Amino acid sequence: MKKLNELYNCQFDVNIKNIKMNSKEVEKGDLFVCTKGVTTDRHDFVDDAIKNGAVAIVASKKIKANVPVIMVENTNLELPKLCSRFYDHPEKKLKIYSVTGTDGKTSVATITQYLLGKNICGYIGTNGRICAKFEKETNNTTPDADKLYEYFNDFVEAGCSSVMMESSSEAFYRGRVIGLSYDIAAITNITREHLNIHGSFENYVDCKCQQFRQIKKNGYAILNKDDAFYNEVKKSCSCKNILTYGKDIDNTLQIVNYEVHRDKTNIVYKYNNETYYIESPLLGEFNVYNLACSLLIAIASGKSMEECIPNISNITIPGRLYMIPNIGQNFNIMIDYAHTPNGISNLLKFIHTLDINHSIVVIGSAGERDFLKRPIMGKTVIDNASYAIFTYEDPRSENPRDIINMMTKEIEDKSRYEVIIDRAKAIERAINIAGVNDIVLILGKGNETYEKLKNETIYFNDIEEAIKYLKIRMKKEKRKVNQ
C-alpha cells in the first residue's frame, strides 16, 4: 500500500490499496487508471469504478469525479510506470525472459522453468503463475500491466531472481507489455493464427517481431532458424547476441538426430562443438524443437548444458500430451492444448507414428476468435485422424453449431465425423467408441478449468471429464464380465 502523494507529486494524502484498469475489478481503496483499449475507452467507466470503491483516478482527458484525479498525457504509457513505482520496481529485481510463437509457448516456458528451477525462476502464462512457493491462476496468457507488475512483485517476495513468461501476439497488439524490456526473448514458430484480432497475417507477424524490439541491448535473442520467418524476426532484434537452434550445422544448438518412442524421445544435440545424447520425456518432433529453445534460454541465462540435462527427466507440462492413467482399459486417452492447424497437424502426425489402430479426436474452435482458421482446422483433423467428434470450445456469444458448421464445411466425407454440441457428452462418446489399441485425443483446452458460454463461465476440465467417463465405462464392462 502507498499514498497517492508518494506515487505522484500532488497534495492528496490518500491510501492506495491497489491499481486497476478494469472497473469491474475495482475494490475499495483502489486507484483506477483510464487506459484506452482497441475498442474500449475506460474513461467511460469512471463512475462504475468509483461506485466499486475507487479512491482516485488517473486520466488523460477531463472527467467529472468526486475523488482525486491525476492527469497524465497517455494513460496507456503511464500504467506500467505507475505499477512499477507502486511495487517498488520489481522488474528491475528480476531477469525477465519471454517466449512468443504460434505454437509451443507454454511448453517452452514450462521447460525453461524446470531447467532453471522453480525456486529461482517464476512462470507466467497459460497455466497460471507458478514458482516453488505458489501456484495461482491468471486471466490471460500475458496479463495487463496492472497485474503483471503485481505478479513480478510476488515472485520477488518469493525469492525468485528471474521470471519466464509467455508473450502472446495479442499482448503486443493490446499494449499489455509496453515499456517492458526483456533480458532474453525467444520464438518457437510463426504460422497462421489470431487474424480476427490482427486483421492480416502481416500484422500478426509484426506483433511477434515486436518482442525482439524490446530486448535489452546486452540481452539475447533465441531464434528458430528452421522457421520460415527467421530472417524477418532477426531483422527486428534490438540486441547483438543472437542464438539459433535448428537442424543445420551452423546453428548455436544443432538438432543432429532424434528418435521418438511411445514414452520418450532420444535426442542428439550439438552445442559448442560438444555432442549431447539426451533422453527426454517429451514426445514428438515439436518438443525436440521446444527443448532446444529452452536449453538456449537457460544457457543465455548463465547455465551450462551439463547443469540443465539432469533436470530434463523431471519435466511435465500440464495439458500437453497428458496421458490419462490406465485403469485397465485397452486403449489410451490423451489431452492436449493443440488449437491451431499447425499444432493439430504436428500432433496427429506424431500420434500416427506410434503403434495404434485408430485415432478419435474431440475438438472445437473458440468463439469470437479467428473464424478463418476453422475450416482449415476441421480439414486438418479429418486429413490426419481416423474419426472426429466436433463439439463446442468456449463458444462465448457465438452459436456453437455455427462454429462447427464452419469447421466442417470443407469436409466431403461426412462418415468420418459426427457432431455433439455438449463437450462432456462428446468426450463420453469418444471414450465409449474407442476400441483395442485406439487413442482418444481431446484437443483445444489442455488443463484449463473453464468453458466460456454465452452468458456465463462454467467450471469444466477435460482431464476430469475424461477420467469420469472412463471410470463409468470400465465399471459397466466389469459388471458385464461378472454377470
Protein backbone atom coordinates (compact mmCIF):
# COMPACT_ATOMS: atom_id res chain seq x y z
CA MET A 1 0.00 0.00 0.00
CA LYS A 2 1.17 3.51 -0.86
CA LYS A 3 -0.23 7.03 -0.59
CA LEU A 4 -1.23 8.90 -3.74
CA ASN A 5 1.27 11.67 -2.95
CA GLU A 6 4.03 9.04 -2.88
CA LEU A 7 3.15 7.99 -6.41
CA TYR A 8 2.61 11.49 -7.78
CA ASN A 9 3.75 14.99 -6.86
CA CYS A 10 0.36 16.05 -5.52
CA GLN A 11 -1.31 17.13 -2.28
CA PHE A 12 -3.62 14.13 -1.98
CA ASP A 13 -2.84 12.12 1.16
CA VAL A 14 -4.94 9.13 0.07
CA ASN A 15 -4.09 5.49 0.77
CA ILE A 16 -3.93 3.35 -2.38
CA LYS A 17 -4.61 -0.33 -1.88
CA ASN A 18 -4.08 -1.48 -5.46
CA ILE A 19 -4.10 -0.36 -9.10
CA LYS A 20 -6.82 -1.44 -11.52
CA MET A 21 -7.68 -0.78 -15.17
CA ASN A 22 -10.90 -2.81 -15.23
CA SER A 23 -13.73 -1.03 -13.43
CA LYS A 24 -15.43 -4.37 -12.69
CA GLU A 25 -12.40 -5.50 -10.70
CA VAL A 26 -12.09 -2.32 -8.65
CA GLU A 27 -12.38 -2.71 -4.87
CA LYS A 28 -12.49 -0.22 -2.04
CA GLY A 29 -9.23 1.71 -1.86
CA ASP A 30 -8.08 1.11 -5.44
CA LEU A 31 -6.63 3.60 -7.93
CA PHE A 32 -8.40 3.36 -11.30
CA VAL A 33 -6.39 4.06 -14.47
CA CYS A 34 -8.41 5.06 -17.54
CA THR A 35 -6.47 3.24 -20.24
CA LYS A 36 -7.69 3.07 -23.81
CA GLY A 37 -8.17 -0.34 -25.42
CA VAL A 38 -8.65 -1.23 -29.08
CA THR A 39 -12.44 -0.83 -28.79
CA THR A 40 -12.83 0.48 -25.24
CA ASP A 41 -12.07 3.81 -23.59
CA ARG A 42 -12.03 3.30 -19.82
CA HIS A 43 -12.67 6.98 -19.22
CA ASP A 44 -16.28 5.94 -19.89
CA PHE A 45 -16.28 3.72 -16.79
CA VAL A 46 -15.08 6.16 -14.15
CA ASP A 47 -18.48 6.28 -12.43
CA ASP A 48 -18.56 2.48 -12.20
CA ALA A 49 -15.04 2.41 -10.77
CA ILE A 50 -15.94 4.96 -8.10
CA LYS A 51 -19.12 3.05 -7.21
CA ASN A 52 -16.99 -0.04 -6.72
CA GLY A 53 -14.64 1.79 -4.37
CA ALA A 54 -12.01 3.67 -6.39
CA VAL A 55 -10.49 6.43 -4.24
CA ALA A 56 -8.57 8.14 -7.06
CA ILE A 57 -8.43 8.24 -10.85
CA VAL A 58 -5.61 8.56 -13.39
CA ALA A 59 -6.92 10.05 -16.63
CA SER A 60 -5.72 11.62 -19.87
CA LYS A 61 -8.81 13.72 -20.55
CA LYS A 62 -11.16 15.78 -18.43
CA ILE A 63 -13.63 13.79 -16.37
CA LYS A 64 -16.09 14.54 -13.59
CA ALA A 65 -15.29 12.73 -10.36
CA ASN A 66 -15.76 13.27 -6.62
CA VAL A 67 -12.37 11.70 -5.90
CA PRO A 68 -8.85 12.99 -6.69
CA VAL A 69 -7.93 12.91 -10.38
CA ILE A 70 -4.34 12.76 -11.66
CA MET A 71 -3.98 14.00 -15.25
CA VAL A 72 -1.34 12.42 -17.50
CA GLU A 73 -0.65 12.69 -21.21
CA ASN A 74 -1.10 8.99 -22.07
CA THR A 75 -2.68 6.57 -19.60
CA ASN A 76 -1.52 3.50 -21.55
CA LEU A 77 2.12 4.57 -21.29
CA GLU A 78 1.61 5.71 -17.72
CA LEU A 79 0.14 2.45 -16.40
CA PRO A 80 3.34 0.31 -16.42
CA LYS A 81 5.39 3.20 -14.98
CA LEU A 82 2.82 3.69 -12.21
CA CYS A 83 2.68 -0.02 -11.43
CA SER A 84 6.46 -0.17 -11.33
CA ARG A 85 6.56 2.65 -8.76
CA PHE A 86 3.74 1.15 -6.73
CA TYR A 87 5.51 -2.21 -6.38
CA ASP A 88 8.98 -0.66 -5.92
CA HIS A 89 10.26 -1.56 -9.39
CA PRO A 90 10.10 -5.37 -9.25
CA GLU A 91 11.06 -5.69 -12.93
CA LYS A 92 14.49 -4.30 -12.04
CA LYS A 93 14.95 -7.01 -9.41
CA LEU A 94 14.23 -9.83 -11.87
CA LYS A 95 15.77 -11.12 -15.07
CA ILE A 96 12.83 -11.22 -17.47
CA TYR A 97 12.71 -13.97 -20.07
CA SER A 98 9.96 -14.20 -22.69
CA VAL A 99 8.83 -16.57 -25.43
CA THR A 100 6.41 -15.91 -28.27
CA GLY A 101 5.24 -18.02 -31.20
CA THR A 102 2.08 -19.54 -32.65
CA ASP A 103 2.61 -22.93 -31.01
CA GLY A 104 4.76 -24.12 -28.13
CA LYS A 105 4.90 -21.04 -25.89
CA THR A 106 3.57 -22.85 -22.84
CA SER A 107 5.85 -25.81 -23.42
CA VAL A 108 8.98 -23.68 -23.80
CA ALA A 109 8.16 -21.50 -20.79
CA THR A 110 7.41 -24.54 -18.62
CA ILE A 111 10.51 -26.45 -19.76
CA THR A 112 12.68 -23.40 -19.10
CA GLN A 113 11.35 -23.09 -15.56
CA TYR A 114 12.24 -26.75 -14.96
CA LEU A 115 15.74 -26.22 -16.32
CA LEU A 116 16.35 -23.15 -14.16
CA GLY A 117 14.45 -24.31 -11.07
CA LYS A 118 11.10 -23.17 -9.65
CA ASN A 119 12.89 -21.82 -6.58
CA ILE A 120 14.66 -19.12 -8.61
CA CYS A 121 12.50 -18.77 -11.73
CA GLY A 122 8.82 -17.83 -11.79
CA TYR A 123 6.43 -18.68 -14.63
CA ILE A 124 3.59 -16.60 -16.11
CA GLY A 125 1.42 -17.99 -18.87
CA THR A 126 -1.48 -20.17 -19.93
CA ASN A 127 -1.11 -22.44 -16.90
CA GLY A 128 -1.13 -19.55 -14.42
CA ARG A 129 1.68 -18.06 -12.34
CA ILE A 130 3.91 -20.58 -10.70
CA CYS A 131 7.02 -20.80 -8.56
CA ALA A 132 8.25 -23.01 -5.73
CA LYS A 133 6.08 -21.18 -3.18
CA PHE A 134 2.74 -20.87 -5.00
CA GLU A 135 0.60 -21.84 -7.99
CA LYS A 136 -2.17 -19.42 -8.95
CA GLU A 137 -4.42 -18.83 -11.97
CA THR A 138 -4.22 -15.93 -14.43
CA ASN A 139 -6.97 -14.44 -16.58
CA ASN A 140 -4.79 -14.06 -19.68
CA THR A 141 -1.73 -15.81 -21.08
CA THR A 142 0.03 -12.44 -20.84
CA PRO A 143 -1.61 -10.25 -18.16
CA ASP A 144 -2.19 -6.50 -18.40
CA ALA A 145 0.35 -4.26 -16.69
CA ASP A 146 -1.72 -3.75 -13.52
CA LYS A 147 -1.49 -7.49 -12.83
CA LEU A 148 1.86 -8.17 -14.47
CA TYR A 149 3.82 -5.95 -12.08
CA GLU A 150 1.89 -7.35 -9.14
CA TYR A 151 2.95 -10.83 -10.24
CA PHE A 152 6.55 -9.67 -10.67
CA ASN A 153 6.43 -8.39 -7.10
CA ASP A 154 5.01 -11.71 -5.88
CA PHE A 155 7.96 -13.53 -7.44
CA VAL A 156 10.46 -11.13 -5.88
CA GLU A 157 8.88 -11.69 -2.46
CA ALA A 158 9.01 -15.46 -3.08
CA GLY A 159 12.77 -15.24 -3.59
CA CYS A 160 12.89 -15.60 -7.38
CA SER A 161 15.64 -13.90 -9.35
CA SER A 162 14.04 -14.41 -12.79
CA VAL A 163 10.68 -14.93 -14.46
CA MET A 164 9.86 -16.87 -17.63
CA MET A 165 6.74 -15.54 -19.34
CA GLU A 166 4.65 -16.30 -22.38
CA SER A 167 4.11 -13.24 -24.56
CA SER A 168 1.17 -13.59 -26.94
CA SER A 169 0.70 -11.57 -30.12
CA GLU A 170 -2.49 -10.20 -28.57
CA ALA A 171 -0.45 -8.86 -25.65
CA PHE A 172 1.68 -6.78 -28.03
CA TYR A 173 -1.37 -5.72 -30.04
CA ARG A 174 -3.22 -4.56 -26.93
CA GLY A 175 -0.17 -2.90 -25.38
CA ARG A 176 -0.02 -5.14 -22.30
CA VAL A 177 3.79 -5.16 -22.22
CA ILE A 178 4.52 -1.56 -23.24
CA GLY A 179 7.79 -0.38 -21.76
CA LEU A 180 8.91 -3.83 -20.66
CA SER A 181 12.49 -4.79 -21.55
CA TYR A 182 13.49 -8.43 -21.90
CA ASP A 183 16.81 -9.92 -20.87
CA ILE A 184 16.16 -12.91 -23.11
CA ALA A 185 13.47 -13.27 -25.79
CA ALA A 186 12.76 -16.45 -27.75
CA ILE A 187 10.44 -17.60 -30.52
CA THR A 188 9.10 -21.02 -31.43
CA ASN A 189 7.47 -20.56 -34.84
CA ILE A 190 5.03 -18.42 -36.80
CA THR A 191 2.02 -19.90 -38.55
CA ARG A 192 -1.49 -18.59 -39.20
CA GLU A 193 -3.46 -17.59 -36.07
CA HIS A 194 -5.50 -14.74 -34.48
CA LEU A 195 -6.28 -12.97 -37.77
CA ASN A 196 -9.59 -11.88 -36.23
CA ILE A 197 -7.55 -9.64 -33.94
CA HIS A 198 -4.70 -8.57 -36.18
CA GLY A 199 -6.61 -8.13 -39.44
CA SER A 200 -3.83 -9.56 -41.60
CA PHE A 201 -1.07 -12.12 -41.38
CA GLU A 202 1.49 -9.33 -41.88
CA ASN A 203 0.20 -7.54 -38.78
CA TYR A 204 0.31 -10.79 -36.83
CA VAL A 205 3.96 -11.37 -37.79
CA ASP A 206 4.81 -7.78 -36.87
CA CYS A 207 3.33 -8.25 -33.39
CA LYS A 208 5.51 -11.33 -32.94
CA CYS A 209 8.54 -9.32 -34.04
CA GLN A 210 7.72 -6.60 -31.50
CA GLN A 211 9.03 -8.80 -28.70
CA PHE A 212 12.50 -8.63 -30.24
CA ARG A 213 12.43 -4.83 -30.43
CA GLN A 214 12.07 -4.82 -26.65
CA ILE A 215 15.21 -6.83 -25.83
CA LYS A 216 17.88 -5.05 -23.81
CA LYS A 217 20.97 -4.12 -25.84
CA ASN A 218 23.06 -6.62 -23.88
CA GLY A 219 20.28 -9.21 -23.93
CA TYR A 220 19.81 -12.36 -26.01
CA ALA A 221 17.50 -13.38 -28.84
CA ILE A 222 16.79 -17.09 -29.29
CA LEU A 223 15.60 -17.85 -32.83
CA ASN A 224 14.35 -20.92 -34.69
CA LYS A 225 16.44 -20.95 -37.85
CA ASP A 226 14.20 -23.60 -39.43
CA ASP A 227 11.15 -21.34 -39.25
CA ALA A 228 10.07 -19.57 -42.44
CA PHE A 229 10.10 -16.17 -40.70
CA TYR A 230 13.59 -16.46 -39.21
CA ASN A 231 15.11 -13.64 -41.29
CA GLU A 232 12.23 -11.26 -40.63
CA VAL A 233 12.41 -11.85 -36.89
CA LYS A 234 16.19 -11.49 -36.91
CA LYS A 235 15.91 -8.04 -38.51
CA SER A 236 13.73 -6.94 -35.58
CA CYS A 237 16.25 -7.85 -32.89
CA SER A 238 17.45 -4.88 -30.84
CA CYS A 239 20.31 -6.88 -29.31
CA LYS A 240 23.63 -8.09 -30.69
CA ASN A 241 23.52 -11.54 -29.08
CA ILE A 242 21.54 -13.91 -31.32
CA LEU A 243 21.49 -17.65 -30.64
CA THR A 244 19.81 -20.09 -33.03
CA TYR A 245 18.51 -23.62 -32.96
CA GLY A 246 17.65 -25.96 -35.83
CA LYS A 247 18.87 -28.88 -37.91
CA ASP A 248 21.68 -27.21 -39.87
CA ILE A 249 25.25 -27.43 -38.63
CA ASP A 250 25.63 -23.63 -38.41
CA ASN A 251 23.13 -23.30 -35.52
CA THR A 252 24.23 -22.43 -32.00
CA LEU A 253 22.39 -25.54 -30.86
CA GLN A 254 22.09 -28.13 -33.62
CA ILE A 255 19.40 -30.79 -33.68
CA VAL A 256 21.54 -33.62 -35.02
CA ASN A 257 19.11 -36.51 -34.71
CA TYR A 258 16.16 -37.84 -32.70
CA GLU A 259 14.05 -40.97 -32.30
CA VAL A 260 10.51 -40.72 -30.95
CA HIS A 261 9.12 -43.62 -28.91
CA ARG A 262 5.84 -44.14 -27.05
CA ASP A 263 7.24 -42.98 -23.72
CA LYS A 264 10.35 -40.95 -24.55
CA THR A 265 12.35 -39.19 -27.23
CA ASN A 266 16.06 -39.87 -27.70
CA ILE A 267 17.77 -36.72 -28.96
CA VAL A 268 21.25 -35.84 -30.17
CA TYR A 269 22.10 -32.14 -29.82
CA LYS A 270 25.37 -30.43 -30.65
CA TYR A 271 26.44 -27.31 -28.80
CA ASN A 272 29.82 -25.60 -28.61
CA ASN A 273 31.44 -28.50 -30.51
CA GLU A 274 30.20 -30.98 -27.92
CA THR A 275 27.66 -33.72 -28.69
CA TYR A 276 24.95 -34.46 -26.12
CA TYR A 277 22.78 -37.59 -26.00
CA ILE A 278 19.55 -36.82 -24.19
CA GLU A 279 16.59 -38.96 -23.17
CA SER A 280 13.56 -36.67 -22.96
CA PRO A 281 10.12 -37.49 -21.54
CA LEU A 282 8.65 -35.00 -24.04
CA LEU A 283 7.23 -36.67 -27.14
CA GLY A 284 7.23 -35.57 -30.79
CA GLU A 285 9.46 -33.59 -33.12
CA PHE A 286 7.88 -30.32 -31.99
CA ASN A 287 9.11 -30.99 -28.46
CA VAL A 288 12.62 -31.61 -29.78
CA TYR A 289 12.48 -28.00 -31.00
CA ASN A 290 10.81 -26.74 -27.82
CA LEU A 291 13.50 -28.33 -25.66
CA ALA A 292 16.25 -26.89 -27.88
CA CYS A 293 14.74 -23.42 -27.50
CA SER A 294 14.53 -23.79 -23.71
CA LEU A 295 18.10 -25.07 -23.44
CA LEU A 296 19.36 -21.95 -25.24
CA ILE A 297 17.33 -19.71 -22.93
CA ALA A 298 18.89 -21.46 -19.95
CA ILE A 299 22.38 -21.19 -21.48
CA ALA A 300 21.87 -17.48 -22.20
CA SER A 301 20.84 -17.03 -18.56
CA GLY A 302 24.18 -18.46 -17.42
CA LYS A 303 23.50 -22.19 -17.08
CA SER A 304 25.63 -24.86 -18.77
CA MET A 305 24.32 -27.82 -20.74
CA GLU A 306 25.74 -30.08 -18.06
CA GLU A 307 23.68 -28.27 -15.41
CA CYS A 308 20.49 -28.43 -17.47
CA ILE A 309 20.48 -32.04 -18.63
CA PRO A 310 19.77 -33.67 -15.22
CA ASN A 311 16.56 -31.60 -14.93
CA ILE A 312 15.11 -32.79 -18.25
CA SER A 313 13.86 -36.12 -16.93
CA ASN A 314 11.61 -34.33 -14.41
CA ILE A 315 9.74 -32.19 -16.93
CA THR A 316 5.95 -32.42 -17.13
CA ILE A 317 3.77 -29.93 -18.98
CA PRO A 318 0.16 -29.69 -17.71
CA GLY A 319 -2.35 -30.14 -20.54
CA ARG A 320 0.33 -31.02 -23.12
CA LEU A 321 0.30 -34.64 -24.33
CA TYR A 322 -1.18 -35.61 -20.98
CA MET A 323 -2.00 -39.32 -20.89
CA ILE A 324 -4.95 -40.31 -18.71
CA PRO A 325 -3.75 -43.02 -16.28
CA ASN A 326 -4.63 -46.56 -17.32
CA ILE A 327 -7.22 -48.24 -15.08
CA GLY A 328 -7.50 -51.42 -17.08
CA GLN A 329 -8.72 -50.14 -20.45
CA ASN A 330 -7.20 -51.46 -23.70
CA PHE A 331 -6.99 -48.02 -25.32
CA ASN A 332 -5.42 -44.67 -24.44
CA ILE A 333 -6.80 -41.18 -23.80
CA MET A 334 -4.67 -38.11 -24.32
CA ILE A 335 -5.39 -34.45 -23.53
CA ASP A 336 -3.62 -31.67 -25.42
CA TYR A 337 -3.94 -27.91 -25.81
CA ALA A 338 -3.42 -28.01 -29.61
CA HIS A 339 -5.82 -25.50 -31.15
CA THR A 340 -4.10 -24.23 -34.30
CA PRO A 341 -3.99 -26.01 -37.68
CA ASN A 342 -0.21 -26.37 -37.40
CA GLY A 343 -0.32 -27.64 -33.82
CA ILE A 344 -3.07 -30.12 -34.62
CA SER A 345 -1.28 -31.39 -37.72
CA ASN A 346 2.02 -31.88 -35.88
CA LEU A 347 0.33 -33.71 -33.02
CA LEU A 348 -1.70 -36.08 -35.20
CA LYS A 349 1.24 -36.89 -37.43
CA PHE A 350 3.23 -37.79 -34.34
CA ILE A 351 0.39 -39.92 -32.93
CA HIS A 352 0.24 -41.97 -36.11
CA THR A 353 3.93 -42.79 -35.91
CA LEU A 354 3.03 -44.82 -32.83
CA ASP A 355 1.65 -48.36 -32.87
CA ILE A 356 -2.08 -47.57 -32.70
CA ASN A 357 -5.18 -48.70 -34.55
CA HIS A 358 -7.37 -45.60 -34.76
CA SER A 359 -7.31 -42.01 -33.54
CA ILE A 360 -10.58 -40.48 -32.32
CA VAL A 361 -10.42 -36.70 -31.95
CA VAL A 362 -12.71 -34.48 -29.87
CA ILE A 363 -12.31 -30.88 -30.96
CA GLY A 364 -14.00 -27.48 -31.22
CA SER A 365 -12.95 -23.92 -32.00
CA ALA A 366 -13.19 -20.92 -29.70
CA GLY A 367 -15.95 -18.38 -30.25
CA GLU A 368 -15.14 -14.73 -31.02
CA ARG A 369 -11.72 -15.79 -32.31
CA ASP A 370 -10.16 -16.31 -35.75
CA PHE A 371 -13.06 -17.75 -37.76
CA LEU A 372 -10.99 -18.08 -40.95
CA LYS A 373 -8.94 -20.90 -39.44
CA ARG A 374 -11.99 -23.02 -38.58
CA PRO A 375 -12.41 -24.85 -41.92
CA ILE A 376 -8.64 -25.38 -42.01
CA MET A 377 -8.75 -26.92 -38.53
CA GLY A 378 -11.63 -29.21 -39.47
CA LYS A 379 -9.97 -30.43 -42.65
CA THR A 380 -6.64 -30.87 -40.84
CA VAL A 381 -8.30 -33.16 -38.30
CA ILE A 382 -10.04 -35.28 -40.94
CA ASP A 383 -6.91 -35.49 -43.11
CA ASN A 384 -4.81 -36.75 -40.19
CA ALA A 385 -7.17 -38.62 -37.84
CA SER A 386 -9.33 -41.72 -38.15
CA TYR A 387 -12.51 -40.12 -36.80
CA ALA A 388 -13.61 -36.81 -35.28
CA ILE A 389 -16.29 -35.58 -32.92
CA PHE A 390 -16.86 -31.84 -33.29
CA THR A 391 -18.10 -30.03 -30.21
CA TYR A 392 -18.06 -26.62 -28.54
CA GLU A 393 -14.99 -24.94 -27.08
CA ASP A 394 -15.51 -21.59 -25.33
CA PRO A 395 -18.27 -20.52 -27.76
CA ARG A 396 -18.84 -17.22 -25.94
CA SER A 397 -21.57 -15.25 -27.74
CA GLU A 398 -21.47 -17.38 -30.89
CA ASN A 399 -23.80 -20.26 -31.63
CA PRO A 400 -21.71 -23.45 -31.21
CA ARG A 401 -23.46 -25.09 -34.15
CA ASP A 402 -22.47 -22.18 -36.43
CA ILE A 403 -18.84 -22.62 -35.36
CA ILE A 404 -18.97 -26.36 -36.06
CA ASN A 405 -20.62 -25.78 -39.43
CA MET A 406 -17.66 -23.59 -40.37
CA MET A 407 -15.23 -26.27 -39.18
CA THR A 408 -16.90 -28.99 -41.27
CA LYS A 409 -17.90 -27.11 -44.42
CA GLU A 410 -14.90 -28.33 -46.46
CA ILE A 411 -15.10 -31.96 -45.31
CA GLU A 412 -16.53 -34.11 -48.11
CA ASP A 413 -16.69 -37.47 -46.32
CA LYS A 414 -19.47 -37.00 -43.76
CA SER A 415 -18.97 -40.52 -42.43
CA ARG A 416 -15.63 -39.52 -40.89
CA TYR A 417 -17.16 -37.37 -38.17
CA GLU A 418 -20.16 -36.58 -36.00
CA VAL A 419 -21.36 -33.51 -34.15
CA ILE A 420 -22.14 -33.47 -30.42
CA ILE A 421 -22.60 -29.92 -29.18
CA ASP A 422 -22.22 -30.70 -25.46
CA ARG A 423 -18.50 -31.14 -24.78
CA ALA A 424 -18.99 -33.53 -21.87
CA LYS A 425 -21.19 -35.81 -23.99
CA ALA A 426 -18.68 -35.60 -26.85
CA ILE A 427 -15.92 -36.79 -24.51
CA GLU A 428 -18.18 -39.56 -23.22
CA ARG A 429 -18.99 -40.67 -26.78
CA ALA A 430 -15.32 -40.78 -27.83
CA ILE A 431 -14.38 -42.90 -24.82
CA ASN A 432 -17.30 -45.27 -25.36
CA ILE A 433 -16.49 -45.97 -29.04
CA ALA A 434 -12.74 -46.45 -28.52
CA GLY A 435 -11.56 -49.95 -29.43
CA VAL A 436 -8.49 -52.03 -28.74
CA ASN A 437 -5.26 -50.02 -29.16
CA ASP A 438 -7.13 -46.88 -30.23
CA ILE A 439 -6.26 -43.46 -28.90
CA VAL A 440 -8.77 -40.78 -27.93
CA LEU A 441 -7.40 -37.25 -28.35
CA ILE A 442 -9.27 -34.42 -26.60
CA LEU A 443 -7.89 -31.20 -28.04
CA GLY A 444 -8.08 -27.46 -27.53
CA LYS A 445 -8.32 -26.88 -23.79
CA GLY A 446 -5.50 -28.82 -22.17
CA ASN A 447 -5.69 -28.42 -18.39
CA GLU A 448 -7.91 -25.31 -18.45
CA THR A 449 -10.67 -25.32 -15.86
CA TYR A 450 -13.43 -23.33 -17.56
CA GLU A 451 -15.77 -23.05 -20.53
CA LYS A 452 -16.88 -19.58 -21.64
CA LEU A 453 -20.52 -19.78 -22.69
CA LYS A 454 -22.89 -17.06 -23.89
CA ASN A 455 -23.94 -15.68 -20.52
CA GLU A 456 -21.59 -17.35 -18.06
CA THR A 457 -18.28 -19.03 -17.45
CA ILE A 458 -18.64 -22.53 -16.03
CA TYR A 459 -16.14 -24.88 -14.42
CA PHE A 460 -15.01 -27.55 -16.87
CA ASN A 461 -11.84 -29.61 -17.15
CA ASP A 462 -11.18 -32.06 -19.98
CA ILE A 463 -8.94 -34.26 -17.83
CA GLU A 464 -11.55 -34.63 -15.08
CA GLU A 465 -14.32 -35.32 -17.59
CA ALA A 466 -12.25 -37.98 -19.36
CA ILE A 467 -11.43 -39.73 -16.08
CA LYS A 468 -15.09 -39.64 -15.04
CA TYR A 469 -16.38 -41.23 -18.23
CA LEU A 470 -13.54 -43.73 -18.38
CA LYS A 471 -14.44 -44.94 -14.87
CA ILE A 472 -18.11 -45.24 -15.87
CA ARG A 473 -17.22 -47.33 -18.94
CA MET A 474 -14.85 -49.58 -17.02
CA LYS A 475 -17.44 -50.10 -14.27
CA LYS A 476 -20.06 -51.15 -16.86
CA GLU A 477 -17.62 -53.52 -18.55
CA LYS A 478 -16.64 -55.06 -15.24
CA ARG A 479 -20.34 -55.57 -14.40
CA LYS A 480 -20.88 -57.39 -17.73
CA VAL A 481 -17.92 -59.66 -17.11
CA ASN A 482 -19.27 -60.59 -13.67
CA GLN A 483 -22.78 -61.33 -14.91
